[in-house]
C-alpha atoms as a PDB file:
ATOM      1  CA  MET A   1      -0.065   0.049  -0.032  1.00  0.00           C
ATOM      2  CA  ASP A   2       1.060   3.711  -0.654  1.00  0.00           C
ATOM      3  CA  VAL A   3       3.190   4.933   2.392  1.00  0.00           C
ATOM      4  CA  GLN A   4       1.084   8.130   2.260  1.00  0.00           C
ATOM      5  CA  LYS A   5      -2.107   6.319   2.840  1.00  0.00           C
ATOM      6  CA  VAL A   6      -0.527   4.373   5.575  1.00  0.00           C
ATOM      7  CA  ASP A   7       0.726   7.599   7.174  1.00  0.00           C
ATOM      8  CA  LEU A   8      -2.853   9.208   6.924  1.00  0.00           C
ATOM      9  CA  PHE A   9      -4.463   6.040   8.373  1.00  0.00           C
ATOM     10  CA  LEU A  10      -1.932   6.246  11.334  1.00  0.00           C
ATOM     11  CA  LEU A  11      -2.396   9.968  11.909  1.00  0.00           C
ATOM     12  CA  THR A  12      -6.218   9.554  12.034  1.00  0.00           C
ATOM     13  CA  LYS A  13      -6.598   6.368  13.742  1.00  0.00           C
ATOM     14  CA  GLY A  14      -3.319   5.759  15.440  1.00  0.00           C
ATOM     15  CA  ASN A  15      -4.726   6.825  18.846  1.00  0.00           C
ATOM     16  CA  ASN A  16      -7.188   3.798  18.761  1.00  0.00           C
ATOM     17  CA  PHE A  17      -4.255   1.442  19.145  1.00  0.00           C
ATOM     18  CA  GLU A  18      -1.608   0.937  21.804  1.00  0.00           C
ATOM     19  CA  SER A  19       1.654   2.715  20.977  1.00  0.00           C
ATOM     20  CA  ILE A  20       3.437  -0.549  21.077  1.00  0.00           C
ATOM     21  CA  ASP A  21       1.277  -1.905  18.272  1.00  0.00           C
ATOM     22  CA  LEU A  22       1.706   0.928  15.838  1.00  0.00           C
ATOM     23  CA  PRO A  23       5.060  -0.376  14.340  1.00  0.00           C
ATOM     24  CA  TYR A  24       3.125  -3.720  13.790  1.00  0.00           C
ATOM     25  CA  VAL A  25      -0.022  -1.939  12.351  1.00  0.00           C
ATOM     26  CA  ARG A  26       2.366   0.396   9.865  1.00  0.00           C
ATOM     27  CA  GLU A  27       4.066  -2.974   8.660  1.00  0.00           C
ATOM     28  CA  GLN A  28       0.769  -4.778   7.933  1.00  0.00           C
ATOM     29  CA  LEU A  29      -0.640  -1.748   6.218  1.00  0.00           C
ATOM     30  CA  ILE A  30       2.430  -1.457   3.937  1.00  0.00           C
ATOM     31  CA  LYS A  31       2.059  -5.028   3.113  1.00  0.00           C
ATOM     32  CA  MET A  32      -1.631  -4.751   2.410  1.00  0.00           C
ATOM     33  CA  ASP A  33      -3.107  -4.991  -1.013  1.00  0.00           C
ATOM     34  CA  GLU A  34      -4.687  -1.772  -2.291  1.00  0.00           C
ATOM     35  CA  GLU A  35      -8.311  -3.428  -2.638  1.00  0.00           C
ATOM     36  CA  LYS A  36      -8.465  -3.816   1.106  1.00  0.00           C
ATOM     37  CA  TRP A  37      -7.976  -0.011   1.668  1.00  0.00           C
ATOM     38  CA  PRO A  38     -12.024   0.620   1.273  1.00  0.00           C
ATOM     39  CA  ARG A  39     -12.617  -2.173   3.762  1.00  0.00           C
ATOM     40  CA  LEU A  40     -10.032  -0.635   6.211  1.00  0.00           C
ATOM     41  CA  GLN A  41     -11.570   2.797   5.802  1.00  0.00           C
ATOM     42  CA  ALA A  42     -15.167   1.397   6.463  1.00  0.00           C
ATOM     43  CA  MET A  43     -13.996  -0.341   9.717  1.00  0.00           C
ATOM     44  CA  HIS A  44     -15.141   1.743  12.722  1.00  0.00           C
ATOM     45  CA  PHE A  45     -12.555   1.487  15.488  1.00  0.00           C
ATOM     46  CA  LYS A  46     -13.761   2.523  18.821  1.00  0.00           C
ATOM     47  CA  ASN A  47     -12.191   5.613  20.601  1.00  0.00           C
ATOM     48  CA  PRO A  48     -10.573   4.682  23.888  1.00  0.00           C
ATOM     49  CA  MET A  49     -11.317   8.087  25.419  1.00  0.00           C
ATOM     50  CA  ALA A  50     -14.983   7.957  24.380  1.00  0.00           C
ATOM     51  CA  MET A  51     -15.265   4.514  26.030  1.00  0.00           C
ATOM     52  CA  LEU A  52     -13.720   5.923  29.165  1.00  0.00           C
ATOM     53  CA  ILE A  53     -16.201   8.685  29.221  1.00  0.00           C
ATOM     54  CA  ILE A  54     -18.931   6.230  28.666  1.00  0.00           C
ATOM     55  CA  SER A  55     -17.637   3.954  31.363  1.00  0.00           C
ATOM     56  CA  LEU A  56     -17.682   7.088  33.819  1.00  0.00           C
ATOM     57  CA  LEU A  57     -21.286   7.858  32.998  1.00  0.00           C
ATOM     58  CA  ALA A  58     -22.817   4.591  32.351  1.00  0.00           C
ATOM     59  CA  GLY A  59     -20.375   2.077  34.010  1.00  0.00           C
ATOM     60  CA  PRO A  60     -22.545   0.145  36.315  1.00  0.00           C
ATOM     61  CA  LEU A  61     -25.002  -0.652  33.467  1.00  0.00           C
ATOM     62  CA  GLY A  62     -22.367  -2.377  31.478  1.00  0.00           C
ATOM     63  CA  VAL A  63     -22.803  -0.053  28.337  1.00  0.00           C
ATOM     64  CA  ASP A  64     -19.090   0.281  27.941  1.00  0.00           C
ATOM     65  CA  ARG A  65     -18.744  -3.385  27.772  1.00  0.00           C
ATOM     66  CA  PHE A  66     -21.575  -3.947  25.379  1.00  0.00           C
ATOM     67  CA  LEU A  67     -20.167  -1.311  22.982  1.00  0.00           C
ATOM     68  CA  ILE A  68     -16.733  -2.760  22.595  1.00  0.00           C
ATOM     69  CA  GLY A  69     -18.150  -6.321  22.028  1.00  0.00           C
ATOM     70  CA  ASP A  70     -17.798  -8.027  25.438  1.00  0.00           C
ATOM     71  CA  ILE A  71     -21.498  -9.102  25.799  1.00  0.00           C
ATOM     72  CA  GLY A  72     -20.942 -11.572  28.689  1.00  0.00           C
ATOM     73  CA  LEU A  73     -19.117  -9.048  30.722  1.00  0.00           C
ATOM     74  CA  GLY A  74     -21.582  -6.409  29.923  1.00  0.00           C
ATOM     75  CA  VAL A  75     -24.544  -8.716  30.937  1.00  0.00           C
ATOM     76  CA  GLY A  76     -22.663  -9.672  34.204  1.00  0.00           C
ATOM     77  CA  LYS A  77     -22.019  -5.992  34.978  1.00  0.00           C
ATOM     78  CA  LEU A  78     -25.635  -4.984  34.230  1.00  0.00           C
ATOM     79  CA  ILE A  79     -26.985  -7.886  36.476  1.00  0.00           C
ATOM     80  CA  THR A  80     -24.614  -6.962  39.440  1.00  0.00           C
ATOM     81  CA  CYS A  81     -25.008  -3.170  38.920  1.00  0.00           C
ATOM     82  CA  GLY A  82     -21.223  -2.945  38.054  1.00  0.00           C
ATOM     83  CA  GLY A  83     -20.223  -5.606  40.710  1.00  0.00           C
ATOM     84  CA  PHE A  84     -21.989  -3.413  43.363  1.00  0.00           C
ATOM     85  CA  GLY A  85     -19.833  -0.535  42.176  1.00  0.00           C
ATOM     86  CA  VAL A  86     -16.514  -2.054  42.481  1.00  0.00           C
ATOM     87  CA  TRP A  87     -16.431  -3.497  39.043  1.00  0.00           C
ATOM     88  CA  ALA A  88     -17.416  -0.200  37.639  1.00  0.00           C
ATOM     89  CA  ILE A  89     -14.626   1.741  39.300  1.00  0.00           C
ATOM     90  CA  VAL A  90     -11.981  -1.004  38.246  1.00  0.00           C
ATOM     91  CA  ASP A  91     -13.261  -0.614  34.547  1.00  0.00           C
ATOM     92  CA  TRP A  92     -12.492   2.952  34.667  1.00  0.00           C
ATOM     93  CA  PHE A  93      -8.744   1.934  34.468  1.00  0.00           C
ATOM     94  CA  LEU A  94      -9.228  -1.009  32.400  1.00  0.00           C
ATOM     95  CA  ILE A  95     -11.610   0.182  29.592  1.00  0.00           C
ATOM     96  CA  MET A  96      -9.135   2.026  27.401  1.00  0.00           C
ATOM     97  CA  GLN A  97      -6.866  -0.814  27.431  1.00  0.00           C
ATOM     98  CA  ALA A  98      -9.795  -3.522  26.507  1.00  0.00           C
ATOM     99  CA  THR A  99     -10.858  -1.020  23.762  1.00  0.00           C
ATOM    100  CA  ARG A 100      -7.376  -0.805  22.071  1.00  0.00           C
ATOM    101  CA  THR A 101      -7.121  -4.637  22.446  1.00  0.00           C
ATOM    102  CA  LYS A 102     -10.536  -5.021  20.691  1.00  0.00           C
ATOM    103  CA  ASN A 103      -9.290  -2.577  18.112  1.00  0.00           C
ATOM    104  CA  ILE A 104      -6.187  -4.427  17.189  1.00  0.00           C
ATOM    105  CA  GLU A 105      -8.154  -7.696  16.989  1.00  0.00           C
ATOM    106  CA  MET A 106     -10.631  -6.139  14.436  1.00  0.00           C
ATOM    107  CA  PHE A 107      -7.662  -4.856  12.493  1.00  0.00           C
ATOM    108  CA  ASN A 108      -6.109  -8.343  12.455  1.00  0.00           C
ATOM    109  CA  THR A 109      -9.336  -9.637  10.847  1.00  0.00           C
ATOM    110  CA  LEU A 110      -8.553  -7.783   7.371  1.00  0.00           C
END
């Protein structure tokens, strides 16, 4: 793939991945075929900061976990009201990492 497209992607979507994963993402993008570019642009990567805000506002209801695709954890969090508040507070520190992990998993499906 064209290096300019790779740089553009990393500038616009790089904050959705762990900084340690960025060299891997760059390498995979350079090796990627041009026909996969529209699929990559259509992928909706979750913003970790937005997930943190959602976790702060609706954490005990499990909305943050539902949005990143952890349905089982979301149901568990909803039923226990965020683990009686403890799970919700712990997720304030974990949800950004979980979001970035889900984003790299989604990227690897290309």
